[in-house]
Amino acid sequence: MQQEYVSLQLFYKMICRILLLIILTSCVSGSFVVNVTQTCYQAEEDHNITLEWTFTTKPDRSSKTLSIICCLIARHEHFVLYRVIHGVELSKSRDKKFSGRVQSDKGTLREGRIRLQLSRLRTDDSGLYLCEVNTDYGFSSARCRVSVSGAESRNKNYWDQVKIVLGALESALVIVSGMIVLIIIAVQGLV
């Protein structure tokens, strides 16, 4: 009985600590938030997309406290496509995979928006895109998923449709052939 009472007390203490942690986390993170404008993108190879995140701004704060990193997480690897440290964009820290294919709209940062145009998409650009923003008044992140279909996927869909049509034509041909045979038998029976 005593042991059950001690276990119950430990359980309640653990629940109280978890609730306190949740409350404190929501109080701290509630003042600074990063949101993604679209959570899922579907695109085709060689096309372009624009990824966009928004974050809480404070007009009285300097952009020199702003640090941003946006990366692709795919196949258990991280590929940096955009980085800002102390308000300065560092394009040299961009992964070679994205070299020459990412354009940022620098004017939107003051408004609390990160807009990145990713051009000439490749199938290996598919994955989870995470953007983390850190300022002197908070830290937050948001993510979106990008799925890029390639030419082989489009060709497979095309040939699947061709097979369906050919199957329907084959069925129609069998029916028409059967009707012709029945007509011939009927005509021969009348003659």
C-alpha atoms as a PDB file:
ATOM      1  CA  MET A   1       0.000   0.000   0.000  1.00  0.00           C
ATOM      2  CA  GLN A   2       2.822   2.386   0.941  1.00  0.00           C
ATOM      3  CA  GLN A   3       4.643   1.549  -2.301  1.00  0.00           C
ATOM      4  CA  GLU A   4       1.540   2.326  -4.402  1.00  0.00           C
ATOM      5  CA  TYR A   5       1.171   5.677  -2.604  1.00  0.00           C
ATOM      6  CA  VAL A   6       4.835   6.567  -3.401  1.00  0.00           C
ATOM      7  CA  SER A   7       4.375   5.505  -7.051  1.00  0.00           C
ATOM      8  CA  LEU A   8       1.240   7.641  -7.304  1.00  0.00           C
ATOM      9  CA  GLN A   9       3.070  10.648  -5.827  1.00  0.00           C
ATOM     10  CA  LEU A  10       5.922  10.230  -8.326  1.00  0.00           C
ATOM     11  CA  PHE A  11       3.402   9.965 -11.149  1.00  0.00           C
ATOM     12  CA  TYR A  12       1.666  13.220 -10.079  1.00  0.00           C
ATOM     13  CA  LYS A  13       5.009  15.022  -9.724  1.00  0.00           C
ATOM     14  CA  MET A  14       6.005  13.880 -13.210  1.00  0.00           C
ATOM     15  CA  ILE A  15       2.684  15.075 -14.671  1.00  0.00           C
ATOM     16  CA  CYS A  16       3.069  18.455 -12.915  1.00  0.00           C
ATOM     17  CA  ARG A  17       6.590  18.874 -14.262  1.00  0.00           C
ATOM     18  CA  ILE A  18       5.473  18.022 -17.803  1.00  0.00           C
ATOM     19  CA  LEU A  19       2.593  20.514 -17.577  1.00  0.00           C
ATOM     20  CA  LEU A  20       4.927  23.192 -16.223  1.00  0.00           C
ATOM     21  CA  LEU A  21       7.353  22.545 -19.077  1.00  0.00           C
ATOM     22  CA  ILE A  22       4.525  22.823 -21.635  1.00  0.00           C
ATOM     23  CA  ILE A  23       3.283  26.070 -20.077  1.00  0.00           C
ATOM     24  CA  LEU A  24       6.763  27.608 -19.929  1.00  0.00           C
ATOM     25  CA  THR A  25       7.529  26.546 -23.500  1.00  0.00           C
ATOM     26  CA  SER A  26       4.313  28.075 -24.809  1.00  0.00           C
ATOM     27  CA  CYS A  27       4.981  31.317 -22.907  1.00  0.00           C
ATOM     28  CA  VAL A  28       8.507  31.634 -24.281  1.00  0.00           C
ATOM     29  CA  SER A  29       7.759  30.562 -27.844  1.00  0.00           C
ATOM     30  CA  GLY A  30       4.423  32.380 -28.052  1.00  0.00           C
ATOM     31  CA  SER A  31       6.092  35.746 -28.631  1.00  0.00           C
ATOM     32  CA  PHE A  32       8.081  34.598 -31.664  1.00  0.00           C
ATOM     33  CA  VAL A  33       6.650  32.326 -34.338  1.00  0.00           C
ATOM     34  CA  VAL A  34       7.778  31.068 -37.743  1.00  0.00           C
ATOM     35  CA  ASN A  35       5.056  29.849 -40.115  1.00  0.00           C
ATOM     36  CA  VAL A  36       5.200  28.279 -43.541  1.00  0.00           C
ATOM     37  CA  THR A  37       2.726  29.643 -46.094  1.00  0.00           C
ATOM     38  CA  GLN A  38       2.271  26.265 -47.825  1.00  0.00           C
ATOM     39  CA  THR A  39       2.966  22.912 -46.151  1.00  0.00           C
ATOM     40  CA  CYS A  40       3.158  20.765 -49.277  1.00  0.00           C
ATOM     41  CA  TYR A  41       4.394  21.453 -52.807  1.00  0.00           C
ATOM     42  CA  GLN A  42       3.926  19.218 -55.865  1.00  0.00           C
ATOM     43  CA  ALA A  43       6.141  20.122 -58.820  1.00  0.00           C
ATOM     44  CA  GLU A  44       7.682  18.653 -61.938  1.00  0.00           C
ATOM     45  CA  GLU A  45      11.313  18.351 -62.862  1.00  0.00           C
ATOM     46  CA  ASP A  46      12.827  21.471 -64.513  1.00  0.00           C
ATOM     47  CA  HIS A  47      10.030  23.722 -63.157  1.00  0.00           C
ATOM     48  CA  ASN A  48      10.387  26.432 -60.460  1.00  0.00           C
ATOM     49  CA  ILE A  49       8.729  26.863 -57.054  1.00  0.00           C
ATOM     50  CA  THR A  50       8.729  29.614 -54.463  1.00  0.00           C
ATOM     51  CA  LEU A  51       9.050  28.548 -50.831  1.00  0.00           C
ATOM     52  CA  GLU A  52       7.852  31.115 -48.298  1.00  0.00           C
ATOM     53  CA  TRP A  53       7.996  31.403 -44.530  1.00  0.00           C
ATOM     54  CA  THR A  54       6.839  34.241 -42.281  1.00  0.00           C
ATOM     55  CA  PHE A  55       8.150  35.208 -38.862  1.00  0.00           C
ATOM     56  CA  THR A  56       7.296  37.649 -36.099  1.00  0.00           C
ATOM     57  CA  THR A  57       9.121  40.956 -36.447  1.00  0.00           C
ATOM     58  CA  LYS A  58       9.760  43.771 -34.021  1.00  0.00           C
ATOM     59  CA  PRO A  59      10.332  47.105 -35.770  1.00  0.00           C
ATOM     60  CA  ASP A  60      12.475  48.438 -32.923  1.00  0.00           C
ATOM     61  CA  ARG A  61      15.019  45.586 -33.321  1.00  0.00           C
ATOM     62  CA  SER A  62      18.064  45.626 -35.574  1.00  0.00           C
ATOM     63  CA  SER A  63      18.339  43.120 -38.419  1.00  0.00           C
ATOM     64  CA  LYS A  64      21.866  42.437 -37.159  1.00  0.00           C
ATOM     65  CA  THR A  65      20.372  40.048 -34.605  1.00  0.00           C
ATOM     66  CA  LEU A  66      18.636  37.997 -37.317  1.00  0.00           C
ATOM     67  CA  SER A  67      19.998  34.555 -38.187  1.00  0.00           C
ATOM     68  CA  ILE A  68      18.247  32.173 -40.595  1.00  0.00           C
ATOM     69  CA  ILE A  69      19.062  28.764 -41.956  1.00  0.00           C
ATOM     70  CA  CYS A  70      16.872  26.956 -44.486  1.00  0.00           C
ATOM     71  CA  CYS A  71      17.808  23.455 -45.483  1.00  0.00           C
ATOM     72  CA  LEU A  72      16.579  20.335 -47.236  1.00  0.00           C
ATOM     73  CA  ILE A  73      16.473  17.172 -45.175  1.00  0.00           C
ATOM     74  CA  ALA A  74      16.511  14.138 -47.476  1.00  0.00           C
ATOM     75  CA  ARG A  75      18.005  10.668 -47.249  1.00  0.00           C
ATOM     76  CA  HIS A  76      19.294  11.448 -43.717  1.00  0.00           C
ATOM     77  CA  GLU A  77      21.365  14.377 -45.029  1.00  0.00           C
ATOM     78  CA  HIS A  78      21.099  18.165 -44.653  1.00  0.00           C
ATOM     79  CA  PHE A  79      21.610  20.476 -47.633  1.00  0.00           C
ATOM     80  CA  VAL A  80      21.745  24.216 -46.910  1.00  0.00           C
ATOM     81  CA  LEU A  81      19.935  26.360 -49.484  1.00  0.00           C
ATOM     82  CA  TYR A  82      19.808  29.679 -47.621  1.00  0.00           C
ATOM     83  CA  ARG A  83      21.659  31.201 -44.675  1.00  0.00           C
ATOM     84  CA  VAL A  84      21.636  34.608 -43.005  1.00  0.00           C
ATOM     85  CA  ILE A  85      23.971  35.356 -40.094  1.00  0.00           C
ATOM     86  CA  HIS A  86      23.619  38.637 -38.171  1.00  0.00           C
ATOM     87  CA  GLY A  87      21.434  40.055 -40.947  1.00  0.00           C
ATOM     88  CA  VAL A  88      23.875  39.222 -43.786  1.00  0.00           C
ATOM     89  CA  GLU A  89      23.069  36.580 -46.420  1.00  0.00           C
ATOM     90  CA  LEU A  90      25.874  34.046 -46.819  1.00  0.00           C
ATOM     91  CA  SER A  91      25.417  32.589 -50.294  1.00  0.00           C
ATOM     92  CA  LYS A  92      28.812  30.878 -50.107  1.00  0.00           C
ATOM     93  CA  SER A  93      27.518  28.626 -47.328  1.00  0.00           C
ATOM     94  CA  ARG A  94      24.867  27.276 -49.721  1.00  0.00           C
ATOM     95  CA  ASP A  95      25.262  23.606 -50.612  1.00  0.00           C
ATOM     96  CA  LYS A  96      26.679  22.987 -54.120  1.00  0.00           C
ATOM     97  CA  LYS A  97      23.484  21.127 -54.985  1.00  0.00           C
ATOM     98  CA  PHE A  98      21.606  24.474 -54.872  1.00  0.00           C
ATOM     99  CA  SER A  99      24.337  26.651 -56.370  1.00  0.00           C
ATOM    100  CA  GLY A 100      22.866  29.050 -58.921  1.00  0.00           C
ATOM    101  CA  ARG A 101      19.338  27.720 -58.390  1.00  0.00           C
ATOM    102  CA  VAL A 102      18.150  29.708 -55.333  1.00  0.00           C
ATOM    103  CA  GLN A 103      17.068  33.336 -55.471  1.00  0.00           C
ATOM    104  CA  SER A 104      16.024  35.170 -52.326  1.00  0.00           C
ATOM    105  CA  ASP A 105      13.820  38.228 -52.104  1.00  0.00           C
ATOM    106  CA  LYS A 106      15.975  40.333 -49.776  1.00  0.00           C
ATOM    107  CA  GLY A 107      13.391  43.107 -49.468  1.00  0.00           C
ATOM    108  CA  THR A 108      10.876  40.859 -47.720  1.00  0.00           C
ATOM    109  CA  LEU A 109      13.072  40.099 -44.680  1.00  0.00           C
ATOM    110  CA  ARG A 110      12.212  43.452 -43.071  1.00  0.00           C
ATOM    111  CA  GLU A 111       8.529  42.492 -43.396  1.00  0.00           C
ATOM    112  CA  GLY A 112       9.143  39.147 -41.690  1.00  0.00           C
ATOM    113  CA  ARG A 113       9.010  37.044 -44.847  1.00  0.00           C
ATOM    114  CA  ILE A 114      11.536  34.635 -46.304  1.00  0.00           C
ATOM    115  CA  ARG A 115      10.882  34.021 -50.022  1.00  0.00           C
ATOM    116  CA  LEU A 116      13.123  31.599 -51.860  1.00  0.00           C
ATOM    117  CA  GLN A 117      12.663  30.721 -55.509  1.00  0.00           C
ATOM    118  CA  LEU A 118      14.119  27.319 -56.310  1.00  0.00           C
ATOM    119  CA  SER A 119      14.622  26.930 -60.062  1.00  0.00           C
ATOM    120  CA  ARG A 120      15.307  24.016 -62.408  1.00  0.00           C
ATOM    121  CA  LEU A 121      13.913  21.487 -59.953  1.00  0.00           C
ATOM    122  CA  ARG A 122      15.397  18.002 -59.816  1.00  0.00           C
ATOM    123  CA  THR A 123      13.804  14.856 -58.469  1.00  0.00           C
ATOM    124  CA  ASP A 124      16.425  14.770 -55.696  1.00  0.00           C
ATOM    125  CA  ASP A 125      15.126  18.171 -54.506  1.00  0.00           C
ATOM    126  CA  SER A 126      12.207  16.226 -53.014  1.00  0.00           C
ATOM    127  CA  GLY A 127      12.114  16.129 -49.233  1.00  0.00           C
ATOM    128  CA  LEU A 128      11.464  18.116 -46.091  1.00  0.00           C
ATOM    129  CA  TYR A 129      12.471  21.811 -46.138  1.00  0.00           C
ATOM    130  CA  LEU A 130      13.134  23.283 -42.707  1.00  0.00           C
ATOM    131  CA  CYS A 131      13.609  26.972 -41.970  1.00  0.00           C
ATOM    132  CA  GLU A 132      14.927  28.050 -38.555  1.00  0.00           C
ATOM    133  CA  VAL A 133      14.910  31.707 -37.527  1.00  0.00           C
ATOM    134  CA  ASN A 134      16.812  33.021 -34.515  1.00  0.00           C
ATOM    135  CA  THR A 135      16.674  36.589 -33.177  1.00  0.00           C
ATOM    136  CA  ASP A 136      17.494  38.260 -29.896  1.00  0.00           C
ATOM    137  CA  TYR A 137      13.783  38.014 -29.022  1.00  0.00           C
ATOM    138  CA  GLY A 138      13.118  34.375 -29.928  1.00  0.00           C
ATOM    139  CA  PHE A 139      13.743  31.209 -31.905  1.00  0.00           C
ATOM    140  CA  SER A 140      11.309  29.158 -33.970  1.00  0.00           C
ATOM    141  CA  SER A 141      11.130  26.983 -37.062  1.00  0.00           C
ATOM    142  CA  ALA A 142       8.657  25.643 -39.612  1.00  0.00           C
ATOM    143  CA  ARG A 143       8.808  23.059 -42.366  1.00  0.00           C
ATOM    144  CA  CYS A 144       7.184  22.041 -45.616  1.00  0.00           C
ATOM    145  CA  ARG A 145       7.393  19.037 -47.913  1.00  0.00           C
ATOM    146  CA  VAL A 146       8.349  19.222 -51.591  1.00  0.00           C
ATOM    147  CA  SER A 147       7.699  16.390 -54.020  1.00  0.00           C
ATOM    148  CA  VAL A 148       9.255  16.626 -57.488  1.00  0.00           C
ATOM    149  CA  SER A 149       8.156  14.160 -60.140  1.00  0.00           C
ATOM    150  CA  GLY A 150      10.504  13.368 -62.996  1.00  0.00           C
ATOM    151  CA  ALA A 151      10.075  12.610 -66.691  1.00  0.00           C
ATOM    152  CA  GLU A 152      10.172   8.851 -66.044  1.00  0.00           C
ATOM    153  CA  SER A 153       7.190   9.228 -63.719  1.00  0.00           C
ATOM    154  CA  ARG A 154       5.251  11.151 -66.383  1.00  0.00           C
ATOM    155  CA  ASN A 155       6.203   8.539 -69.016  1.00  0.00           C
ATOM    156  CA  LYS A 156       5.081   5.724 -66.708  1.00  0.00           C
ATOM    157  CA  ASN A 157       1.692   7.434 -66.228  1.00  0.00           C
ATOM    158  CA  TYR A 158       1.379   7.898 -69.995  1.00  0.00           C
ATOM    159  CA  TRP A 159       2.114   4.227 -70.713  1.00  0.00           C
ATOM    160  CA  ASP A 160      -0.269   3.123 -67.971  1.00  0.00           C
ATOM    161  CA  GLN A 161      -3.008   5.124 -69.709  1.00  0.00           C
ATOM    162  CA  VAL A 162      -2.062   3.651 -73.099  1.00  0.00           C
ATOM    163  CA  LYS A 163      -2.341   0.119 -71.635  1.00  0.00           C
ATOM    164  CA  ILE A 164      -5.830   0.893 -70.308  1.00  0.00           C
ATOM    165  CA  VAL A 165      -6.963   2.186 -73.700  1.00  0.00           C
ATOM    166  CA  LEU A 166      -5.425  -0.804 -75.509  1.00  0.00           C
ATOM    167  CA  GLY A 167      -7.112  -3.163 -73.052  1.00  0.00           C
ATOM    168  CA  ALA A 168     -10.472  -1.498 -73.737  1.00  0.00           C
ATOM    169  CA  LEU A 169      -9.875  -1.709 -77.516  1.00  0.00           C
ATOM    170  CA  GLU A 170      -8.946  -5.387 -77.202  1.00  0.00           C
ATOM    171  CA  SER A 171     -12.167  -6.086 -75.293  1.00  0.00           C
ATOM    172  CA  ALA A 172     -14.179  -4.176 -77.903  1.00  0.00           C
ATOM    173  CA  LEU A 173     -12.449  -6.117 -80.698  1.00  0.00           C
ATOM    174  CA  VAL A 174     -13.327  -9.446 -79.053  1.00  0.00           C
ATOM    175  CA  ILE A 175     -16.975  -8.371 -78.716  1.00  0.00           C
ATOM    176  CA  VAL A 176     -17.158  -7.121 -82.323  1.00  0.00           C
ATOM    177  CA  SER A 177     -15.455 -10.327 -83.604  1.00  0.00           C
ATOM    178  CA  GLY A 178     -17.942 -12.430 -81.665  1.00  0.00           C
ATOM    179  CA  MET A 179     -20.839 -10.465 -83.140  1.00  0.00           C
ATOM    180  CA  ILE A 180     -19.452 -10.899 -86.672  1.00  0.00           C
ATOM    181  CA  VAL A 181     -19.153 -14.660 -86.136  1.00  0.00           C
ATOM    182  CA  LEU A 182     -22.742 -14.791 -84.881  1.00  0.00           C
ATOM    183  CA  ILE A 183     -23.941 -12.775 -87.885  1.00  0.00           C
ATOM    184  CA  ILE A 184     -22.078 -15.081 -90.295  1.00  0.00           C
ATOM    185  CA  ILE A 185     -23.572 -18.180 -88.635  1.00  0.00           C
ATOM    186  CA  ALA A 186     -27.035 -16.615 -88.743  1.00  0.00           C
ATOM    187  CA  VAL A 187     -26.658 -15.649 -92.429  1.00  0.00           C
ATOM    188  CA  GLN A 188     -25.367 -19.146 -93.318  1.00  0.00           C
ATOM    189  CA  GLY A 189     -28.289 -20.696 -91.471  1.00  0.00           C
ATOM    190  CA  LEU A 190     -30.764 -18.629 -93.475  1.00  0.00           C
ATOM    191  CA  VAL A 191     -29.252 -19.455 -96.825  1.00  0.00           C
END
